[in-house]
Amino acid sequence: MDRARTVVVAGRCLLWAALALPAFGAGRLGLNEPRPLGQQLAGAGVLAVATALAGRRPLTAFALTAALCLAAAPALFSLSYGPALAVFALLLGLREGRTGPAALCFLAVGGAGTVRIALGGADPVPEWLVMTGTLLFACVLPWLGGRYWRQSRELTAAGWLRAARLEEEQRLAEERARLRERARIAQDMHDSLGHELSLLALRAGVLQVAPDLPERHRAAAADLRAAAADATDRLHRVIGVLREEDDAPLPLAPAGETVEQLVARAADSGLPVRWGTGARTGTVAPGGVAERLLHRVAREALTNAARHAPGAPVVVEVTGDATSGATVTVTNRRAADGSRPACSGGGSGLRALRAAVTAVGGTFEAGPHGEGYRVSAHVPALIPAAVVPAPPPSAPYTRARRRVVTALGVAAGTGAVLVAASVGWYAYTETHAVLEPAAYAGLRPGALLADLDLPDRHVQDPPTDRAPAPPDRTDCRYYRASGELFVSVDHYRLCFDDRGRLAAKDVVPRVGGQQKSRREEFVR
């Protein structure tokens, strides 16, 4: 814990040193107007406080740095504190999730800069353009870059989390598939063995009523019939425990025989079953899903008829064609002893058949019919393909990235336009405020301002800190000695009295110039 805190403190100290270095070096290199040492130390102190607050209060750190920039330059542009402003704007976007506070802070900085420019007395147009460009390029763009960086990190973390969840879901799906396969095997055992045990009970019933058998053999056949019925019930209960859901679609394993073969085998076993008058063969494709479904429906219905209505006649019909599909209907009448057949509609076998038939777009009906019971299932000719769920959309992530990229593009475009406009205005004002050295040398004392051929404009940001004190009760104007841009040049200062006569003229040297200010003052 102490080591981690030490690393954090060391990182903040390095960040402060990197941000404070331009504040001390820009003035010495002549990139900024020289400032007193006290101001430089105060600025370094503000940067130290902002660096300490950047971790938990990035908005406060940015606001302190912006205030420091406004105090140093009304246009917010300062080589001494501009890098710190961009860095804290980046940290603001990286660590502050809300958009509203940052937007309000940007508006407050722009409003404060506008008020300071308006009260400064200089030409407000270039100053405001420079401030707006600085606000966009040194504040908004780094802030948007920080937000994009943070969103990318969040999306990456969410992607890894989603991958872990998908792996867990895949593992659970495989486990569930194994359980379903076990349940499918158990259901197949129930259907096949249950049907065979029912036929075995039928054969034992035939032996029980055979007139040429001794009484002891009839008793053995009765015991065999009861044992087969009891085994069928126990098998049904065991399979009911193994099945996960009673309404789950029944697996369609190959039947191994057709409906006609199933009916013939049931009849040979002693079940009084016959074909109905509307029965037709060849209505479904052999080995297909429809044939397997029809076989399962018929087998389950014959098994239930043998169990719940022993001795009752059973009628099987298979109708349909290759266009409309096929329908199998199994109807059994009253039991041979005169009792009504038990309702089998609540069994898990019929419920599973209903789910399987409806899953392929068919219809299934099972219930009492007249004096007996009927099971009917219709399977369409064309089995609809399974619908594959579409992967979850990534639209929210795409929209978030698009919004950030759009904001970056708008900010960059607007900033480029403003910077181009400010550079153009700066070039226009500076080149139209140039007083040629020969014209300056030809100025004579007492000349009226109206009679002088002076440039259209004069310098709006004069180097008053390098110029001597002006004469009393005079109005001074500054002009550039050359039209070079983005460098420090000599300036000419012309001071006029209240009557508009030239009272004094001075040469204000450029930053780092060797010559001192020369004053030519005239007697009024």
Protein backbone atom coordinates (compact mmCIF):
# COMPACT_ATOMS: atom_id res chain seq x y z
CA MET A 1 0.00 0.00 0.00
CA ASP A 2 2.80 2.44 0.93
CA ARG A 3 4.73 1.50 -2.18
CA ALA A 4 1.72 2.16 -4.41
CA ARG A 5 1.16 5.53 -2.73
CA THR A 6 4.82 6.39 -3.22
CA VAL A 7 4.54 5.56 -6.92
CA VAL A 8 1.46 7.78 -7.24
CA VAL A 9 3.14 10.69 -5.46
CA ALA A 10 6.26 10.32 -7.60
CA GLY A 11 4.16 10.29 -10.76
CA ARG A 12 2.36 13.47 -9.72
CA CYS A 13 5.66 15.16 -8.93
CA LEU A 14 6.99 14.26 -12.37
CA LEU A 15 3.79 15.55 -13.99
CA TRP A 16 4.05 18.84 -12.09
CA ALA A 17 7.69 19.26 -13.08
CA ALA A 18 6.84 18.64 -16.75
CA LEU A 19 3.98 21.16 -16.66
CA ALA A 20 5.91 23.82 -14.73
CA LEU A 21 8.94 23.68 -17.02
CA PRO A 22 7.31 25.71 -19.87
CA ALA A 23 6.24 28.37 -17.34
CA PHE A 24 9.87 29.05 -16.43
CA GLY A 25 11.44 28.43 -19.84
CA ALA A 26 9.09 30.30 -22.22
CA GLY A 27 10.07 33.74 -20.90
CA ARG A 28 13.78 32.99 -20.96
CA LEU A 29 13.55 31.80 -24.58
CA GLY A 30 11.71 34.95 -25.62
CA LEU A 31 8.48 33.07 -26.47
CA ASN A 32 6.52 35.09 -23.89
CA GLU A 33 6.86 38.48 -22.35
CA PRO A 34 9.20 38.24 -19.34
CA ARG A 35 7.34 37.97 -16.03
CA PRO A 36 8.54 38.69 -12.50
CA LEU A 37 9.81 35.74 -10.53
CA GLY A 38 6.97 36.10 -8.05
CA GLN A 39 4.37 35.57 -10.77
CA GLN A 40 6.25 32.54 -12.05
CA LEU A 41 6.39 30.99 -8.58
CA ALA A 42 2.70 31.70 -8.02
CA GLY A 43 1.85 30.00 -11.32
CA ALA A 44 3.97 26.99 -10.37
CA GLY A 45 2.09 26.80 -7.05
CA VAL A 46 -1.28 26.82 -8.82
CA LEU A 47 -0.06 24.03 -11.11
CA ALA A 48 1.05 22.04 -8.06
CA VAL A 49 -2.42 22.34 -6.49
CA ALA A 50 -4.08 21.38 -9.79
CA THR A 51 -1.80 18.34 -10.14
CA ALA A 52 -2.69 17.20 -6.62
CA LEU A 53 -6.43 17.55 -7.34
CA ALA A 54 -6.35 15.99 -10.83
CA GLY A 55 -6.84 12.47 -9.49
CA ARG A 56 -10.14 12.91 -7.62
CA ARG A 57 -11.30 16.36 -8.76
CA PRO A 58 -10.28 16.73 -12.41
CA LEU A 59 -12.85 19.48 -13.01
CA THR A 60 -11.40 21.64 -10.23
CA ALA A 61 -7.86 21.06 -11.56
CA PHE A 62 -8.90 22.16 -15.03
CA ALA A 63 -10.74 25.23 -13.70
CA LEU A 64 -7.66 26.33 -11.73
CA THR A 65 -5.43 25.97 -14.78
CA ALA A 66 -7.90 27.84 -16.99
CA ALA A 67 -8.03 30.69 -14.45
CA LEU A 68 -4.24 30.78 -14.44
CA CYS A 69 -4.20 31.02 -18.25
CA LEU A 70 -6.78 33.82 -18.24
CA ALA A 71 -4.73 35.73 -15.65
CA ALA A 72 -1.63 35.39 -17.83
CA ALA A 73 -3.31 36.23 -21.16
CA PRO A 74 -6.87 37.45 -21.81
CA ALA A 75 -7.00 35.36 -25.02
CA LEU A 76 -6.29 32.18 -22.96
CA PHE A 77 -3.34 31.42 -25.24
CA SER A 78 -0.14 31.12 -23.28
CA LEU A 79 2.93 29.04 -24.07
CA SER A 80 3.72 29.02 -20.36
CA TYR A 81 0.50 27.38 -19.23
CA GLY A 82 -1.07 26.14 -22.49
CA PRO A 83 0.42 22.61 -22.23
CA ALA A 84 -0.89 22.28 -18.67
CA LEU A 85 -4.34 23.40 -19.83
CA ALA A 86 -4.41 20.70 -22.54
CA VAL A 87 -3.16 18.00 -20.16
CA PHE A 88 -5.78 18.75 -17.50
CA ALA A 89 -8.49 18.88 -20.19
CA LEU A 90 -7.39 15.39 -21.28
CA LEU A 91 -7.51 14.16 -17.69
CA LEU A 92 -10.95 15.74 -17.30
CA GLY A 93 -12.32 13.71 -20.20
CA LEU A 94 -10.54 10.57 -19.00
CA ARG A 95 -11.71 10.67 -15.38
CA GLU A 96 -15.02 12.58 -15.43
CA GLY A 97 -17.90 10.54 -16.82
CA ARG A 98 -20.46 13.35 -16.88
CA THR A 99 -20.65 15.76 -19.81
CA GLY A 100 -22.67 18.61 -18.27
CA PRO A 101 -20.14 19.90 -15.71
CA ALA A 102 -17.31 19.99 -18.28
CA ALA A 103 -19.51 21.80 -20.84
CA LEU A 104 -20.55 24.38 -18.21
CA CYS A 105 -16.90 24.88 -17.25
CA PHE A 106 -15.94 25.49 -20.89
CA LEU A 107 -18.75 28.02 -21.25
CA ALA A 108 -17.67 29.75 -18.03
CA VAL A 109 -14.08 29.98 -19.24
CA GLY A 110 -15.23 31.39 -22.59
CA GLY A 111 -17.50 33.91 -20.88
CA ALA A 112 -14.78 35.03 -18.47
CA GLY A 113 -12.32 35.41 -21.33
CA THR A 114 -14.83 37.43 -23.35
CA VAL A 115 -15.44 39.80 -20.43
CA ARG A 116 -11.72 40.26 -19.82
CA ILE A 117 -11.08 40.94 -23.51
CA ALA A 118 -13.92 43.48 -23.62
CA LEU A 119 -12.56 45.29 -20.56
CA GLY A 120 -8.94 45.18 -21.73
CA GLY A 121 -9.25 48.00 -24.25
CA ALA A 122 -7.46 46.19 -27.05
CA ASP A 123 -8.92 45.17 -30.41
CA PRO A 124 -11.43 42.49 -29.29
CA VAL A 125 -11.84 40.64 -32.61
CA PRO A 126 -8.42 38.94 -32.88
CA GLU A 127 -8.28 38.40 -29.14
CA TRP A 128 -11.66 36.68 -29.13
CA LEU A 129 -10.78 34.53 -32.15
CA VAL A 130 -7.54 33.43 -30.50
CA MET A 131 -9.39 32.67 -27.25
CA THR A 132 -12.05 30.63 -29.05
CA GLY A 133 -9.46 28.68 -31.03
CA THR A 134 -7.48 28.01 -27.86
CA LEU A 135 -10.62 26.89 -26.07
CA LEU A 136 -11.40 24.44 -28.86
CA PHE A 137 -7.90 23.10 -29.52
CA ALA A 138 -6.45 23.20 -26.00
CA CYS A 139 -9.63 22.35 -24.06
CA VAL A 140 -12.45 20.74 -26.03
CA LEU A 141 -10.37 18.52 -28.30
CA PRO A 142 -8.19 17.07 -25.49
CA TRP A 143 -11.35 16.58 -23.40
CA LEU A 144 -13.02 14.68 -26.25
CA GLY A 145 -9.84 12.66 -26.72
CA GLY A 146 -9.91 11.73 -23.03
CA ARG A 147 -13.56 10.71 -23.26
CA TYR A 148 -12.82 8.56 -26.31
CA TRP A 149 -9.89 6.98 -24.50
CA ARG A 150 -12.06 6.23 -21.46
CA GLN A 151 -14.87 4.80 -23.59
CA SER A 152 -12.38 2.61 -25.45
CA ARG A 153 -11.09 1.25 -22.17
CA GLU A 154 -14.62 0.62 -20.93
CA LEU A 155 -15.57 -1.10 -24.18
CA THR A 156 -12.45 -3.27 -24.00
CA ALA A 157 -13.24 -4.26 -20.43
CA ALA A 158 -16.87 -4.95 -21.39
CA GLY A 159 -15.68 -7.04 -24.33
CA TRP A 160 -13.50 -9.23 -22.12
CA LEU A 161 -16.35 -9.56 -19.62
CA ARG A 162 -18.73 -10.53 -22.40
CA ALA A 163 -16.23 -13.10 -23.69
CA ALA A 164 -16.03 -14.63 -20.21
CA ARG A 165 -19.81 -14.72 -19.99
CA LEU A 166 -20.07 -16.33 -23.40
CA GLU A 167 -17.59 -19.00 -22.36
CA GLU A 168 -19.63 -19.66 -19.23
CA GLU A 169 -22.84 -19.77 -21.26
CA GLN A 170 -21.18 -22.17 -23.70
CA ARG A 171 -20.17 -24.41 -20.84
CA LEU A 172 -23.70 -24.34 -19.41
CA ALA A 173 -25.15 -25.01 -22.88
CA GLU A 174 -22.91 -28.04 -23.31
CA GLU A 175 -23.92 -29.33 -19.88
CA ARG A 176 -27.58 -28.79 -20.71
CA ALA A 177 -27.11 -30.53 -24.05
CA ARG A 178 -25.67 -33.56 -22.22
CA LEU A 179 -28.64 -33.60 -19.88
CA ARG A 180 -31.06 -33.30 -22.79
CA GLU A 181 -29.32 -36.15 -24.57
CA ARG A 182 -29.73 -38.31 -21.49
CA ALA A 183 -33.38 -37.32 -21.32
CA ARG A 184 -33.78 -38.12 -25.02
CA ILE A 185 -32.30 -41.56 -24.55
CA ALA A 186 -34.57 -42.10 -21.56
CA GLN A 187 -37.61 -40.99 -23.58
CA ASP A 188 -36.68 -43.33 -26.43
CA MET A 189 -36.42 -46.16 -23.93
CA HIS A 190 -39.84 -45.24 -22.56
CA ASP A 191 -41.46 -45.19 -25.99
CA SER A 192 -39.83 -48.34 -27.30
CA LEU A 193 -39.90 -50.48 -24.15
CA GLY A 194 -43.32 -49.18 -23.15
CA HIS A 195 -44.71 -50.17 -26.52
CA GLU A 196 -43.05 -53.59 -26.39
CA LEU A 197 -44.23 -54.21 -22.83
CA SER A 198 -47.77 -53.28 -23.87
CA LEU A 199 -47.64 -55.77 -26.71
CA LEU A 200 -46.22 -58.35 -24.30
CA ALA A 201 -49.16 -57.74 -21.99
CA LEU A 202 -51.51 -58.21 -24.94
CA ARG A 203 -49.93 -61.53 -25.82
CA ALA A 204 -50.22 -62.62 -22.19
CA GLY A 205 -53.88 -61.58 -22.23
CA VAL A 206 -54.49 -63.71 -25.32
CA LEU A 207 -52.93 -66.69 -23.58
CA GLN A 208 -54.99 -65.99 -20.47
CA VAL A 209 -58.29 -66.36 -22.35
CA ALA A 210 -57.18 -69.24 -24.57
CA PRO A 211 -59.69 -72.13 -24.00
CA ASP A 212 -57.19 -74.94 -24.60
CA LEU A 213 -54.75 -73.93 -21.82
CA PRO A 214 -54.79 -75.46 -18.34
CA GLU A 215 -55.85 -73.31 -15.45
CA ARG A 216 -52.31 -73.03 -14.07
CA HIS A 217 -51.07 -71.74 -17.41
CA ARG A 218 -53.86 -69.17 -17.48
CA ALA A 219 -52.79 -68.01 -14.01
CA ALA A 220 -49.18 -67.74 -15.16
CA ALA A 221 -50.29 -65.70 -18.20
CA ALA A 222 -52.33 -63.43 -15.91
CA ASP A 223 -49.30 -62.93 -13.66
CA LEU A 224 -47.18 -62.19 -16.73
CA ARG A 225 -49.73 -59.65 -17.95
CA ALA A 226 -49.84 -57.93 -14.56
CA ALA A 227 -46.06 -57.86 -14.33
CA ALA A 228 -45.78 -56.30 -17.79
CA ALA A 229 -48.35 -53.63 -16.89
CA ASP A 230 -46.56 -52.93 -13.60
CA ALA A 231 -43.19 -52.66 -15.42
CA THR A 232 -44.72 -50.22 -17.88
CA ASP A 233 -46.01 -48.01 -15.04
CA ARG A 234 -42.67 -48.06 -13.25
CA LEU A 235 -40.85 -47.23 -16.50
CA HIS A 236 -43.21 -44.30 -17.02
CA ARG A 237 -42.51 -42.95 -13.52
CA VAL A 238 -38.73 -43.28 -13.91
CA ILE A 239 -38.71 -41.56 -17.28
CA GLY A 240 -40.91 -38.79 -15.86
CA VAL A 241 -38.21 -38.06 -13.28
CA LEU A 242 -35.45 -38.01 -15.90
CA ARG A 243 -37.25 -35.64 -18.27
CA GLU A 244 -36.42 -31.98 -17.64
CA GLU A 245 -39.64 -30.48 -19.02
CA ASP A 246 -42.88 -32.22 -19.82
CA ASP A 247 -43.65 -29.77 -22.64
CA ALA A 248 -40.21 -29.95 -24.29
CA PRO A 249 -40.22 -30.99 -27.95
CA LEU A 250 -39.79 -34.71 -28.32
CA PRO A 251 -36.48 -35.77 -29.94
CA LEU A 252 -36.94 -37.31 -33.36
CA ALA A 253 -34.64 -40.29 -33.54
CA PRO A 254 -35.11 -42.61 -36.53
CA ALA A 255 -38.00 -45.00 -35.91
CA GLY A 256 -36.66 -47.92 -37.90
CA GLU A 257 -40.08 -48.91 -39.24
CA THR A 258 -43.06 -47.35 -41.02
CA VAL A 259 -46.53 -46.77 -39.62
CA GLU A 260 -47.83 -49.70 -41.70
CA GLN A 261 -45.22 -52.02 -40.19
CA LEU A 262 -46.04 -50.73 -36.71
CA VAL A 263 -49.75 -51.47 -37.15
CA ALA A 264 -49.02 -54.91 -38.58
CA ARG A 265 -46.76 -55.82 -35.65
CA ALA A 266 -49.36 -54.59 -33.14
CA ALA A 267 -52.04 -56.70 -34.85
CA ASP A 268 -49.80 -59.77 -34.77
CA SER A 269 -49.36 -59.24 -31.02
CA GLY A 270 -53.12 -59.49 -30.45
CA LEU A 271 -54.19 -55.85 -30.46
CA PRO A 272 -57.51 -55.51 -32.31
CA VAL A 273 -56.30 -52.82 -34.69
CA ARG A 274 -57.31 -52.22 -38.29
CA TRP A 275 -56.88 -49.60 -41.01
CA GLY A 276 -59.61 -47.07 -41.55
CA THR A 277 -61.45 -46.59 -44.83
CA GLY A 278 -59.57 -43.33 -45.62
CA ALA A 279 -56.10 -44.76 -45.06
CA ARG A 280 -53.55 -44.20 -47.80
CA THR A 281 -49.91 -45.14 -48.00
CA GLY A 282 -47.04 -43.28 -49.54
CA THR A 283 -48.26 -39.88 -48.34
CA VAL A 284 -44.96 -38.85 -46.74
CA ALA A 285 -41.35 -39.18 -47.74
CA PRO A 286 -39.76 -42.26 -46.17
CA GLY A 287 -37.13 -41.56 -43.51
CA GLY A 288 -38.09 -37.89 -43.16
CA VAL A 289 -39.09 -35.87 -40.14
CA ALA A 290 -42.79 -36.17 -41.00
CA GLU A 291 -42.67 -39.99 -41.14
CA ARG A 292 -40.83 -40.20 -37.82
CA LEU A 293 -43.38 -37.90 -36.21
CA LEU A 294 -46.32 -39.93 -37.55
CA HIS A 295 -44.71 -43.15 -36.33
CA ARG A 296 -44.21 -41.74 -32.83
CA VAL A 297 -47.77 -40.47 -32.63
CA ALA A 298 -49.17 -43.81 -33.79
CA ARG A 299 -46.95 -45.80 -31.43
CA GLU A 300 -47.87 -43.67 -28.40
CA ALA A 301 -51.58 -43.87 -29.25
CA LEU A 302 -51.46 -47.69 -29.69
CA THR A 303 -49.53 -48.06 -26.43
CA ASN A 304 -52.11 -45.97 -24.54
CA ALA A 305 -54.97 -47.93 -26.12
CA ALA A 306 -53.43 -51.23 -25.05
CA ARG A 307 -52.87 -49.94 -21.49
CA HIS A 308 -56.05 -48.03 -20.79
CA ALA A 309 -58.60 -49.84 -22.98
CA PRO A 310 -57.49 -53.47 -23.26
CA GLY A 311 -59.48 -55.42 -25.82
CA ALA A 312 -61.05 -52.35 -27.38
CA PRO A 313 -60.94 -52.11 -31.18
CA VAL A 314 -58.50 -49.54 -32.57
CA VAL A 315 -58.72 -47.80 -35.95
CA VAL A 316 -55.67 -46.17 -37.58
CA GLU A 317 -55.89 -43.78 -40.53
CA VAL A 318 -53.11 -41.99 -42.41
CA THR A 319 -54.33 -39.43 -44.94
CA GLY A 320 -52.89 -36.56 -46.93
CA ASP A 321 -50.62 -35.89 -49.88
CA ALA A 322 -47.26 -34.38 -50.72
CA THR A 323 -48.74 -30.85 -50.97
CA SER A 324 -50.90 -30.45 -47.87
CA GLY A 325 -49.02 -32.83 -45.57
CA ALA A 326 -50.07 -35.98 -43.75
CA THR A 327 -52.45 -36.68 -40.89
CA VAL A 328 -52.47 -39.75 -38.63
CA THR A 329 -55.56 -40.55 -36.56
CA VAL A 330 -55.79 -43.33 -33.97
CA THR A 331 -59.23 -44.01 -32.45
CA ASN A 332 -60.05 -46.65 -29.82
CA ARG A 333 -63.48 -47.55 -28.53
CA ARG A 334 -64.77 -48.68 -25.15
CA ALA A 335 -62.74 -51.30 -23.33
CA ALA A 336 -63.74 -54.93 -23.69
CA ASP A 337 -65.06 -55.08 -20.10
CA GLY A 338 -67.44 -52.18 -20.81
CA SER A 339 -65.54 -49.47 -18.85
CA ARG A 340 -64.78 -46.09 -20.41
CA PRO A 341 -61.17 -45.49 -21.44
CA ALA A 342 -59.04 -43.41 -19.10
CA CYS A 343 -58.12 -39.96 -20.36
CA SER A 344 -54.50 -39.99 -21.40
CA GLY A 345 -54.31 -36.33 -22.34
CA GLY A 346 -52.45 -35.43 -19.19
CA GLY A 347 -49.60 -37.89 -19.74
CA SER A 348 -46.10 -36.69 -20.46
CA GLY A 349 -45.94 -38.73 -23.66
CA LEU A 350 -48.85 -36.92 -25.32
CA ARG A 351 -47.64 -33.54 -24.08
CA ALA A 352 -44.21 -34.18 -25.56
CA LEU A 353 -45.82 -35.25 -28.84
CA ARG A 354 -47.91 -32.08 -28.90
CA ALA A 355 -44.78 -29.97 -28.42
CA ALA A 356 -42.92 -31.85 -31.17
CA VAL A 357 -45.76 -31.55 -33.70
CA THR A 358 -46.46 -27.88 -33.04
CA ALA A 359 -42.70 -27.14 -33.21
CA VAL A 360 -42.71 -28.05 -36.93
CA GLY A 361 -45.89 -26.08 -37.67
CA GLY A 362 -48.39 -28.96 -37.31
CA THR A 363 -51.50 -29.49 -35.20
CA PHE A 364 -52.13 -32.08 -32.49
CA GLU A 365 -55.39 -33.12 -30.83
CA ALA A 366 -56.03 -35.75 -28.16
CA GLY A 367 -59.17 -36.34 -26.15
CA PRO A 368 -62.41 -38.30 -25.73
CA HIS A 369 -64.25 -39.08 -28.94
CA GLY A 370 -67.72 -40.64 -28.77
CA GLU A 371 -67.47 -43.80 -26.68
CA GLY A 372 -63.71 -43.89 -26.87
CA TYR A 373 -60.57 -41.81 -27.31
CA ARG A 374 -58.89 -40.24 -30.35
CA VAL A 375 -55.38 -38.98 -31.06
CA SER A 376 -54.84 -36.98 -34.26
CA ALA A 377 -51.77 -35.19 -35.57
CA HIS A 378 -51.24 -33.25 -38.80
CA VAL A 379 -47.69 -32.70 -40.08
CA PRO A 380 -47.11 -30.17 -42.91
CA ALA A 381 -45.37 -31.23 -46.08
CA LEU A 382 -42.65 -28.56 -45.72
CA ILE A 383 -41.02 -28.48 -42.30
CA PRO A 384 -39.92 -24.87 -41.51
CA ALA A 385 -36.25 -24.42 -40.78
CA ALA A 386 -35.24 -23.55 -37.28
CA VAL A 387 -34.89 -19.85 -36.66
CA VAL A 388 -31.34 -18.98 -35.72
CA PRO A 389 -31.30 -16.08 -33.26
CA ALA A 390 -29.35 -13.09 -34.52
CA PRO A 391 -26.28 -12.13 -32.56
CA PRO A 392 -26.80 -9.32 -30.10
CA PRO A 393 -26.35 -5.98 -31.90
CA SER A 394 -23.41 -3.71 -31.10
CA ALA A 395 -25.38 -0.59 -32.02
CA PRO A 396 -24.93 1.16 -28.63
CA TYR A 397 -21.15 0.87 -28.87
CA THR A 398 -21.17 1.97 -32.52
CA ARG A 399 -23.39 4.96 -31.74
CA ALA A 400 -21.17 5.98 -28.82
CA ARG A 401 -18.07 5.88 -31.00
CA ARG A 402 -19.86 7.73 -33.79
CA ARG A 403 -20.91 10.49 -31.39
CA VAL A 404 -17.37 10.93 -30.10
CA VAL A 405 -15.87 10.94 -33.60
CA THR A 406 -18.50 13.42 -34.80
CA ALA A 407 -17.84 15.71 -31.85
CA LEU A 408 -14.11 15.53 -32.50
CA GLY A 409 -14.62 16.34 -36.18
CA VAL A 410 -16.93 19.26 -35.46
CA ALA A 411 -14.60 20.69 -32.83
CA ALA A 412 -11.56 20.28 -35.07
CA GLY A 413 -13.32 21.84 -38.06
CA THR A 414 -14.65 24.76 -36.05
CA GLY A 415 -11.28 25.31 -34.43
CA ALA A 416 -9.52 25.23 -37.79
CA VAL A 417 -11.91 27.86 -39.16
CA LEU A 418 -11.44 30.07 -36.13
CA VAL A 419 -7.67 29.70 -36.18
CA ALA A 420 -7.57 30.51 -39.87
CA ALA A 421 -9.76 33.56 -39.27
CA SER A 422 -7.65 34.70 -36.32
CA VAL A 423 -4.41 34.25 -38.28
CA GLY A 424 -5.87 36.18 -41.20
CA TRP A 425 -7.06 38.98 -38.93
CA TYR A 426 -3.72 39.05 -37.15
CA ALA A 427 -1.84 39.27 -40.44
CA TYR A 428 -4.15 42.05 -41.66
CA THR A 429 -3.89 44.17 -38.51
CA GLU A 430 -0.14 43.74 -38.12
CA THR A 431 0.73 44.49 -41.75
CA HIS A 432 -1.52 47.57 -41.75
CA ALA A 433 0.11 48.96 -38.60
CA VAL A 434 3.65 49.24 -40.05
CA LEU A 435 5.39 52.63 -40.03
CA GLU A 436 8.40 52.70 -42.31
CA PRO A 437 11.70 53.78 -40.66
CA ALA A 438 12.17 56.60 -43.23
CA ALA A 439 8.70 57.93 -42.46
CA TYR A 440 9.42 57.76 -38.74
CA ALA A 441 12.69 59.63 -39.20
CA GLY A 442 10.94 62.39 -41.15
CA LEU A 443 8.48 63.23 -38.35
CA ARG A 444 8.98 66.78 -37.02
CA PRO A 445 7.97 68.38 -33.72
CA GLY A 446 4.60 70.03 -33.52
CA ALA A 447 3.24 68.27 -36.60
CA LEU A 448 -0.51 67.89 -36.54
CA LEU A 449 -1.93 64.38 -36.47
CA ALA A 450 -4.27 65.24 -39.30
CA ASP A 451 -1.34 66.29 -41.53
CA LEU A 452 0.74 63.13 -40.98
CA ASP A 453 0.68 60.22 -43.41
CA LEU A 454 0.37 57.40 -40.86
CA PRO A 455 -0.78 53.78 -41.36
CA ASP A 456 -4.49 52.94 -41.33
CA ARG A 457 -4.23 51.05 -38.05
CA HIS A 458 -2.04 51.13 -34.98
CA VAL A 459 -0.95 48.30 -32.71
CA GLN A 460 -3.70 47.14 -30.34
CA ASP A 461 -1.43 45.12 -28.05
CA PRO A 462 1.48 47.55 -27.54
CA PRO A 463 4.62 46.57 -25.60
CA THR A 464 3.96 49.05 -22.80
CA ASP A 465 6.10 47.05 -20.38
CA ARG A 466 9.23 47.76 -22.46
CA ALA A 467 8.37 51.37 -23.26
CA PRO A 468 9.34 54.40 -21.08
CA ALA A 469 6.71 56.40 -19.29
CA PRO A 470 4.84 58.66 -21.74
CA PRO A 471 4.79 62.45 -21.34
CA ASP A 472 2.02 63.90 -19.24
CA ARG A 473 -1.32 64.71 -20.82
CA THR A 474 -0.53 62.92 -24.09
CA ASP A 475 -2.19 60.16 -26.10
CA CYS A 476 0.30 57.64 -27.45
CA ARG A 477 0.00 55.32 -30.46
CA TYR A 478 2.25 52.40 -31.33
CA TYR A 479 3.31 51.23 -34.79
CA ARG A 480 5.39 48.27 -35.94
CA ALA A 481 8.77 48.93 -37.53
CA SER A 482 8.42 45.96 -39.94
CA GLY A 483 5.74 43.61 -41.22
CA GLU A 484 7.25 40.33 -39.94
CA LEU A 485 4.68 38.06 -38.30
CA PHE A 486 4.91 35.81 -35.26
CA VAL A 487 8.21 37.36 -34.12
CA SER A 488 9.07 40.25 -31.85
CA VAL A 489 9.91 43.48 -33.76
CA ASP A 490 10.78 47.06 -32.89
CA HIS A 491 7.89 49.43 -32.28
CA TYR A 492 7.53 53.17 -32.80
CA ARG A 493 5.56 55.17 -30.24
CA LEU A 494 4.09 58.54 -31.19
CA CYS A 495 2.61 60.68 -28.43
CA PHE A 496 0.23 63.58 -29.26
CA ASP A 497 -0.91 66.35 -26.94
CA ASP A 498 -4.46 67.46 -26.41
CA ARG A 499 -4.28 69.72 -29.47
CA GLY A 500 -3.28 66.85 -31.74
CA ARG A 501 0.35 67.89 -32.15
CA LEU A 502 3.26 65.47 -32.03
CA ALA A 503 4.86 65.83 -28.60
CA ALA A 504 7.27 62.85 -28.44
CA LYS A 505 8.36 59.81 -30.39
CA ASP A 506 10.13 56.72 -29.09
CA VAL A 507 11.70 53.54 -30.44
CA VAL A 508 10.68 50.52 -28.33
CA PRO A 509 13.13 47.67 -29.01
CA ARG A 510 11.99 44.10 -29.63
CA VAL A 511 12.36 41.38 -27.01
CA GLY A 512 16.04 40.56 -26.59
CA GLY A 513 17.10 43.67 -28.55
CA GLN A 514 20.38 45.35 -27.55
CA GLN A 515 19.39 48.97 -28.07
CA LYS A 516 17.52 50.84 -25.42
CA SER A 517 14.44 52.95 -25.89
CA ARG A 518 15.26 56.28 -27.54
CA ARG A 519 13.02 59.24 -26.91
CA GLU A 520 12.82 62.33 -29.02
CA GLU A 521 10.75 64.80 -27.05
CA PHE A 522 9.78 68.16 -28.39
CA VAL A 523 9.16 71.38 -26.54
CA ARG A 524 5.52 72.29 -26.52
